[in-house]
Amino acid sequence: MRRLLNVWVLCVGGSFLSAPANGADWYVSAAAGAVSRAGMDQNGSNRESTCYPTDACFHEVPRPAIAGYRWTYDIDADAGPALRLGIGRRLGRFRIETAVGWQRNALEQELIDIAYLDGAPRATADSTVTVDAMALIDDAVTRTVSVDLFRDLPPIGGSVTPYVGVGVGQAYITVKGLGFVAEYRDTSQTPPAYDPPLSHYAAAQEEDHSDSVVTWRVHAGADYALGERTLLGARLTWSVIGSTSDTGRYDRHPIHATDPAFRNRNGFEEARAWALTVSLTRWLGGGP
């Protein structure tokens, strides 16, 4: 968050240095509302050679070489809270605004597919071994710093000013609690001895996935004049957040016997979001 604020201060500072000494041209605003997110399906991969007890290759002699695995999850996001703080400057019918934002969405995973790294499907074994697996994911927190350009439209009824706008910025995304747990067991009444034991194949991971990507958005809104210097507004924003990628370390994995630092990669596809916020704006002077 400190890095985010530093970028914001640099943007605002540059605008102030180039601004004329007219306080009425400047305003500050605060907003709160809700955001609904779509897209951002998850995909990942690793480069391990393990053949697992539930796979057909486990019973082949010799076991075939494996280059790694890839997986895909469908991600559903619940609507969540959105906050925004901004400072802007009026330039005729245009306004330039620099803002920092914060959003949070609870996430749910649904497994689509796990395949070999080359895309070939995994053949399952006809055996009494089963795997108890559970995917883990908590929520996505998105912090943004942006610069937006607005065009004020002709007032309606003297008190309502509609506007449209576009913006671009940087999004700092953290998907919390991303991971999985998998344990193997034999369900037969007299399970055979396995060498190594089935517990050797257990795996677990739970980490925060983080990345910084470009975001752009379009706005439509309106402000209602509560007085000479205060505005109450509503804004609808459609935004696109770029694809993310990050590596993570397993808490437990069969490869740890030979590579304790073994890692995988997870990514989230480009996400799209709708945000509806209510704002309070204060002009730093005589008002618009």
Protein backbone atom coordinates (compact mmCIF):
# COMPACT_ATOMS: atom_id res chain seq x y z
CA MET A 1 0.00 0.00 0.00
CA ARG A 2 2.93 2.36 0.68
CA ARG A 3 4.14 1.89 -2.89
CA LEU A 4 0.66 2.69 -4.16
CA LEU A 5 0.50 5.91 -2.16
CA ASN A 6 3.96 6.95 -3.35
CA VAL A 7 2.86 6.64 -6.98
CA TRP A 8 -0.28 8.63 -6.22
CA VAL A 9 1.70 11.39 -4.51
CA LEU A 10 3.99 11.67 -7.54
CA CYS A 11 1.02 11.98 -9.90
CA VAL A 12 -0.72 14.58 -7.75
CA GLY A 13 2.50 16.47 -7.12
CA GLY A 14 3.16 16.76 -10.84
CA SER A 15 -0.33 18.12 -11.43
CA PHE A 16 0.03 20.69 -8.64
CA LEU A 17 3.35 21.92 -9.98
CA SER A 18 1.78 22.68 -13.37
CA ALA A 19 -1.43 24.20 -11.96
CA PRO A 20 -2.27 27.90 -11.75
CA ALA A 21 -2.92 29.39 -8.32
CA ASN A 22 -6.72 29.18 -8.54
CA GLY A 23 -8.16 27.11 -5.71
CA ALA A 24 -11.63 27.09 -7.25
CA ASP A 25 -10.31 24.82 -10.04
CA TRP A 26 -9.47 22.00 -7.60
CA TYR A 27 -11.63 19.49 -5.78
CA VAL A 28 -11.36 16.42 -3.57
CA SER A 29 -13.77 13.50 -3.52
CA ALA A 30 -14.51 10.31 -1.62
CA ALA A 31 -16.72 7.47 -2.81
CA ALA A 32 -18.04 4.11 -1.66
CA GLY A 33 -20.11 1.45 -3.36
CA ALA A 34 -20.11 -2.08 -4.75
CA VAL A 35 -18.17 -3.89 -7.46
CA SER A 36 -19.13 -6.98 -9.46
CA ARG A 37 -16.34 -8.89 -11.21
CA ALA A 38 -16.38 -11.39 -14.09
CA GLY A 39 -13.76 -13.38 -15.96
CA MET A 40 -10.38 -14.05 -14.28
CA ASP A 41 -10.42 -17.84 -14.77
CA GLN A 42 -7.39 -19.48 -13.16
CA ASN A 43 -4.74 -21.52 -14.95
CA GLY A 44 -1.49 -22.93 -13.69
CA SER A 45 1.31 -25.41 -14.29
CA ASN A 46 4.39 -27.06 -12.84
CA ARG A 47 7.27 -29.18 -14.10
CA GLU A 48 7.20 -32.26 -11.92
CA SER A 49 7.76 -35.88 -12.97
CA THR A 50 5.59 -37.59 -10.34
CA CYS A 51 3.12 -40.26 -11.47
CA TYR A 52 0.34 -40.37 -8.88
CA PRO A 53 -1.39 -43.50 -7.49
CA THR A 54 -4.74 -42.65 -9.14
CA ASP A 55 -3.18 -42.36 -12.63
CA ALA A 56 -2.89 -45.21 -15.11
CA CYS A 57 0.84 -44.56 -15.48
CA PHE A 58 1.31 -45.61 -11.84
CA HIS A 59 0.88 -49.26 -12.87
CA GLU A 60 3.01 -49.14 -16.02
CA VAL A 61 6.48 -50.72 -16.08
CA PRO A 62 8.55 -48.77 -16.70
CA ARG A 63 6.63 -45.66 -15.81
CA PRO A 64 6.52 -43.10 -18.62
CA ALA A 65 8.38 -39.81 -18.38
CA ILE A 66 6.21 -36.88 -17.29
CA ALA A 67 7.16 -33.29 -18.08
CA GLY A 68 4.68 -31.69 -15.70
CA TYR A 69 1.03 -30.82 -15.17
CA ARG A 70 -1.35 -28.01 -16.03
CA TRP A 71 -4.72 -27.12 -14.48
CA THR A 72 -7.66 -24.82 -15.12
CA TYR A 73 -10.30 -23.52 -12.69
CA ASP A 74 -13.45 -21.52 -13.30
CA ILE A 75 -13.59 -18.61 -10.85
CA ASP A 76 -16.82 -17.07 -9.58
CA ALA A 77 -16.63 -13.73 -7.78
CA ASP A 78 -19.22 -12.35 -5.39
CA ALA A 79 -20.06 -8.66 -5.42
CA GLY A 80 -17.98 -6.76 -2.88
CA PRO A 81 -17.19 -3.32 -1.48
CA ALA A 82 -15.38 -0.57 -3.39
CA LEU A 83 -13.78 2.63 -2.05
CA ARG A 84 -12.19 5.57 -3.83
CA LEU A 85 -10.34 8.78 -2.90
CA GLY A 86 -9.54 11.36 -5.54
CA ILE A 87 -8.24 14.83 -6.22
CA GLY A 88 -9.04 16.63 -9.44
CA ARG A 89 -8.68 19.82 -11.42
CA ARG A 90 -11.17 21.54 -13.72
CA LEU A 91 -10.08 22.61 -17.21
CA GLY A 92 -13.15 24.25 -18.75
CA ARG A 93 -15.73 21.50 -19.33
CA PHE A 94 -13.06 18.85 -18.71
CA ARG A 95 -11.73 17.50 -15.43
CA ILE A 96 -8.54 15.56 -14.72
CA GLU A 97 -8.71 13.36 -11.63
CA THR A 98 -6.10 11.23 -9.90
CA ALA A 99 -7.50 8.59 -7.57
CA VAL A 100 -6.61 5.61 -5.43
CA GLY A 101 -9.12 2.79 -5.10
CA TRP A 102 -9.69 -0.38 -3.14
CA GLN A 103 -11.95 -3.32 -3.98
CA ARG A 104 -12.57 -6.76 -2.50
CA ASN A 105 -14.39 -9.76 -3.97
CA ALA A 106 -14.90 -13.17 -2.36
CA LEU A 107 -13.96 -15.95 -4.81
CA GLU A 108 -15.02 -19.54 -5.45
CA GLN A 109 -13.23 -22.18 -7.55
CA GLU A 110 -14.58 -24.94 -9.74
CA LEU A 111 -12.08 -27.38 -11.26
CA ILE A 112 -12.36 -27.61 -15.05
CA ASP A 113 -9.42 -29.85 -15.92
CA ILE A 114 -6.03 -31.22 -14.84
CA ALA A 115 -3.88 -32.47 -17.71
CA TYR A 116 -0.26 -33.16 -18.51
CA LEU A 117 1.90 -30.15 -19.36
CA ASP A 118 1.61 -30.82 -23.11
CA GLY A 119 -2.19 -30.82 -22.85
CA ALA A 120 -2.64 -34.60 -23.04
CA PRO A 121 -5.42 -35.89 -20.74
CA ARG A 122 -4.58 -37.87 -17.62
CA ALA A 123 -5.78 -41.48 -17.79
CA THR A 124 -7.12 -42.71 -14.44
CA ALA A 125 -6.25 -46.09 -12.98
CA ASP A 126 -8.82 -48.79 -12.19
CA SER A 127 -7.71 -49.28 -8.59
CA THR A 128 -8.85 -48.97 -4.98
CA VAL A 129 -6.75 -45.85 -4.41
CA THR A 130 -8.66 -42.59 -4.14
CA VAL A 131 -7.62 -39.00 -3.57
CA ASP A 132 -9.23 -36.58 -1.14
CA ALA A 133 -8.60 -33.19 -2.74
CA MET A 134 -9.84 -29.70 -1.97
CA ALA A 135 -9.10 -26.44 -3.76
CA LEU A 136 -8.51 -23.34 -1.64
CA ILE A 137 -9.20 -19.68 -2.40
CA ASP A 138 -10.39 -16.75 -0.28
CA ASP A 139 -10.82 -13.36 -1.91
CA ALA A 140 -9.26 -10.93 -4.36
CA VAL A 141 -8.16 -7.51 -3.11
CA THR A 142 -7.45 -4.92 -5.80
CA ARG A 143 -5.73 -1.60 -5.10
CA THR A 144 -5.54 0.89 -7.94
CA VAL A 145 -3.92 4.20 -8.76
CA SER A 146 -5.32 5.92 -11.83
CA VAL A 147 -5.60 9.08 -13.87
CA ASP A 148 -9.05 9.81 -15.35
CA LEU A 149 -10.30 12.40 -17.83
CA PHE A 150 -13.93 13.51 -17.52
CA ARG A 151 -16.13 15.61 -19.79
CA ASP A 152 -18.95 17.46 -18.05
CA LEU A 153 -22.16 17.52 -20.11
CA PRO A 154 -24.75 20.33 -20.12
CA PRO A 155 -26.51 20.61 -16.73
CA ILE A 156 -29.99 19.20 -16.21
CA GLY A 157 -32.39 21.41 -14.29
CA GLY A 158 -29.57 23.63 -13.11
CA SER A 159 -28.47 21.33 -10.26
CA VAL A 160 -27.50 18.04 -11.94
CA THR A 161 -24.35 17.77 -14.06
CA PRO A 162 -23.94 14.49 -15.99
CA TYR A 163 -20.51 13.44 -17.22
CA VAL A 164 -18.59 10.73 -19.03
CA GLY A 165 -14.95 9.75 -18.65
CA VAL A 166 -12.09 7.38 -19.40
CA GLY A 167 -9.10 6.39 -17.31
CA VAL A 168 -5.97 4.28 -17.13
CA GLY A 169 -3.87 3.16 -14.22
CA GLN A 170 -2.04 0.44 -12.35
CA ALA A 171 -3.78 -2.33 -10.41
CA TYR A 172 -2.10 -4.20 -7.55
CA ILE A 173 -3.94 -7.51 -7.14
CA THR A 174 -3.68 -10.01 -4.30
CA VAL A 175 -5.63 -13.28 -4.39
CA LYS A 176 -5.53 -14.51 -0.81
CA GLY A 177 -5.33 -18.10 0.38
CA LEU A 178 -4.77 -19.68 -3.04
CA GLY A 179 -3.88 -23.36 -2.97
CA PHE A 180 -5.08 -26.93 -2.49
CA VAL A 181 -4.79 -30.03 -0.31
CA ALA A 182 -4.54 -33.59 -1.68
CA GLU A 183 -4.15 -36.86 0.24
CA TYR A 184 -4.24 -40.45 -1.07
CA ARG A 185 -5.71 -43.56 0.57
CA ASP A 186 -6.53 -47.14 -0.35
CA THR A 187 -10.21 -47.99 0.19
CA SER A 188 -9.84 -51.80 0.08
CA GLN A 189 -10.38 -53.89 3.22
CA THR A 190 -6.83 -55.24 3.07
CA PRO A 191 -4.77 -52.52 1.38
CA PRO A 192 -1.41 -53.63 0.01
CA ALA A 193 1.88 -52.11 1.08
CA TYR A 194 3.08 -49.26 -1.11
CA ASP A 195 6.71 -48.28 -1.55
CA PRO A 196 6.91 -45.38 -1.07
CA PRO A 197 3.75 -45.21 1.10
CA LEU A 198 0.70 -43.32 -0.16
CA SER A 199 1.44 -40.54 2.30
CA HIS A 200 4.51 -39.76 0.18
CA TYR A 201 2.22 -38.42 -2.56
CA ALA A 202 0.31 -35.97 -0.36
CA ALA A 203 0.60 -32.34 -1.42
CA ALA A 204 -0.54 -29.00 -0.03
CA GLN A 205 -0.15 -25.32 -0.80
CA GLU A 206 -1.70 -22.10 0.51
CA GLU A 207 -0.18 -18.77 -0.50
CA ASP A 208 -1.18 -15.28 -1.58
CA HIS A 209 -0.98 -14.68 -5.32
CA SER A 210 0.17 -11.13 -6.17
CA ASP A 211 0.88 -9.16 -9.32
CA SER A 212 0.80 -5.62 -10.72
CA VAL A 213 -0.98 -5.03 -14.05
CA VAL A 214 -2.45 -2.26 -16.18
CA THR A 215 -6.13 -1.36 -15.82
CA TRP A 216 -8.33 0.89 -17.93
CA ARG A 217 -11.95 1.95 -17.49
CA VAL A 218 -14.83 4.07 -18.74
CA HIS A 219 -17.23 6.07 -16.57
CA ALA A 220 -20.70 7.59 -16.69
CA GLY A 221 -22.15 9.55 -13.80
CA ALA A 222 -23.87 12.64 -12.52
CA ASP A 223 -23.32 15.13 -9.69
CA TYR A 224 -26.04 16.95 -7.79
CA ALA A 225 -25.19 20.33 -6.23
CA LEU A 226 -25.94 20.28 -2.50
CA GLY A 227 -24.58 23.80 -2.18
CA GLU A 228 -22.08 26.16 -3.69
CA ARG A 229 -19.07 23.91 -3.04
CA THR A 230 -20.46 20.43 -2.29
CA LEU A 231 -21.67 17.79 -4.76
CA LEU A 232 -23.40 14.45 -4.21
CA GLY A 233 -22.77 12.08 -7.08
CA ALA A 234 -23.28 8.60 -8.50
CA ARG A 235 -20.89 6.90 -10.92
CA LEU A 236 -21.04 3.69 -12.95
CA THR A 237 -17.63 2.36 -14.01
CA TRP A 238 -16.73 -0.51 -16.33
CA SER A 239 -13.11 -1.59 -15.99
CA VAL A 240 -10.71 -4.14 -17.44
CA ILE A 241 -7.83 -5.52 -15.39
CA GLY A 242 -4.98 -7.31 -17.16
CA SER A 243 -3.96 -10.95 -16.71
CA THR A 244 -1.83 -11.79 -13.69
CA SER A 245 0.93 -14.35 -13.12
CA ASP A 246 2.86 -15.40 -10.03
CA THR A 247 4.86 -18.36 -8.75
CA GLY A 248 4.28 -20.14 -5.45
CA ARG A 249 6.02 -22.66 -3.23
CA TYR A 250 4.36 -25.84 -2.00
CA ASP A 251 3.96 -26.45 1.72
CA ARG A 252 4.16 -30.19 1.05
CA HIS A 253 4.97 -32.10 -2.14
CA PRO A 254 6.52 -35.43 -3.26
CA ILE A 255 9.27 -33.53 -5.12
CA HIS A 256 10.45 -32.00 -1.84
CA ALA A 257 12.57 -35.11 -1.26
CA THR A 258 14.85 -33.94 -4.08
CA ASP A 259 13.89 -30.27 -4.55
CA PRO A 260 12.72 -28.52 -1.35
CA ALA A 261 12.25 -25.21 -3.23
CA PHE A 262 10.00 -26.70 -5.94
CA ARG A 263 7.51 -24.12 -7.26
CA ASN A 264 4.51 -23.83 -9.53
CA ARG A 265 2.94 -21.01 -11.51
CA ASN A 266 -0.62 -19.72 -11.33
CA GLY A 267 -2.27 -17.03 -13.39
CA PHE A 268 -5.64 -15.33 -13.65
CA GLU A 269 -7.07 -14.23 -16.96
CA GLU A 270 -8.13 -10.69 -17.78
CA ALA A 271 -10.98 -9.60 -15.51
CA ARG A 272 -13.86 -7.23 -16.17
CA ALA A 273 -15.79 -5.41 -13.48
CA TRP A 274 -18.78 -3.12 -12.98
CA ALA A 275 -18.65 -0.70 -10.05
CA LEU A 276 -21.44 1.55 -8.80
CA THR A 277 -20.35 4.19 -6.30
CA VAL A 278 -21.84 7.16 -4.50
CA SER A 279 -19.49 10.10 -4.01
CA LEU A 280 -19.16 13.33 -2.08
CA THR A 281 -17.13 16.06 -3.77
CA ARG A 282 -15.85 19.30 -2.25
CA TRP A 283 -14.54 22.17 -4.35
CA LEU A 284 -11.52 23.96 -2.89
CA GLY A 285 -12.78 27.43 -3.60
CA GLY A 286 -15.94 29.04 -4.86
CA GLY A 287 -17.28 25.91 -6.50
CA PRO A 288 -17.97 24.98 -10.12
